[in-house]
Protein backbone atom coordinates (compact mmCIF):
# COMPACT_ATOMS: atom_id res chain seq x y z
CA MET A 1 18.01 99.96 40.87
CA ASN A 2 19.95 102.05 42.32
CA THR A 3 18.82 103.78 45.12
CA THR A 4 20.72 106.59 47.34
CA ALA A 5 19.69 108.10 50.51
CA THR A 6 20.07 111.85 50.56
CA ARG A 7 22.08 113.19 53.89
CA PHE A 8 22.16 116.36 55.47
CA LEU A 9 25.03 117.83 57.21
CA TYR A 10 24.37 120.53 59.43
CA LEU A 11 27.15 122.77 60.92
CA ALA A 12 26.53 124.98 63.46
CA ARG A 13 28.59 127.16 65.93
CA HIS A 14 28.15 128.25 70.02
CA GLY A 15 26.55 131.62 70.30
CA GLU A 16 28.58 134.35 70.98
CA ALA A 17 30.55 134.22 73.96
CA SER A 18 31.31 136.29 76.81
CA ALA A 19 34.86 138.16 76.64
CA ASP A 20 36.10 136.30 80.26
CA GLU A 21 37.30 133.07 78.36
CA ASP A 22 37.62 131.61 81.87
CA ALA A 23 33.88 131.91 82.34
CA GLY A 24 32.99 130.15 79.07
CA GLU A 25 29.25 131.74 79.10
CA LEU A 26 27.36 133.12 76.49
CA THR A 27 26.37 136.84 76.21
CA ALA A 28 22.75 137.81 76.32
CA ASN A 29 22.83 137.62 72.23
CA GLY A 30 24.58 134.24 71.82
CA ARG A 31 22.11 132.86 74.34
CA ARG A 32 19.21 134.51 72.03
CA GLN A 33 21.29 132.90 69.10
CA ALA A 34 21.54 129.18 70.66
CA GLU A 35 17.69 129.63 70.75
CA LEU A 36 17.30 130.48 67.12
CA LEU A 37 18.96 127.81 66.08
CA GLY A 38 17.01 125.37 68.44
CA ASP A 39 14.11 126.73 66.71
CA ARG A 40 15.14 126.23 63.10
CA LEU A 41 16.29 122.63 64.12
CA ARG A 42 13.25 121.65 66.68
CA ASP A 43 11.30 119.99 63.16
CA VAL A 44 14.64 118.04 61.39
CA PRO A 45 15.31 114.78 62.16
CA LEU A 46 18.69 114.55 63.23
CA ALA A 47 20.40 111.26 64.07
CA ALA A 48 23.41 112.45 65.48
CA MET A 49 24.84 115.41 67.39
CA ARG A 50 28.16 116.26 68.19
C-alpha cells in the first residue's frame, strides 16, 4: 500500500513597511496585516518557519 503525506506550503510576505527604509519598521497597516496573519495561522500545526 502506498501512503503519501499531505504537506502545505504557506508563503507570507512581511506587512507594509514604512517609507523610511533605514527604520525597518512596519506601518500601522503593516502591523494590522501581521496581526491578521497570526490570527489566521494560530491553529495551523507548523513544523518550521524561515
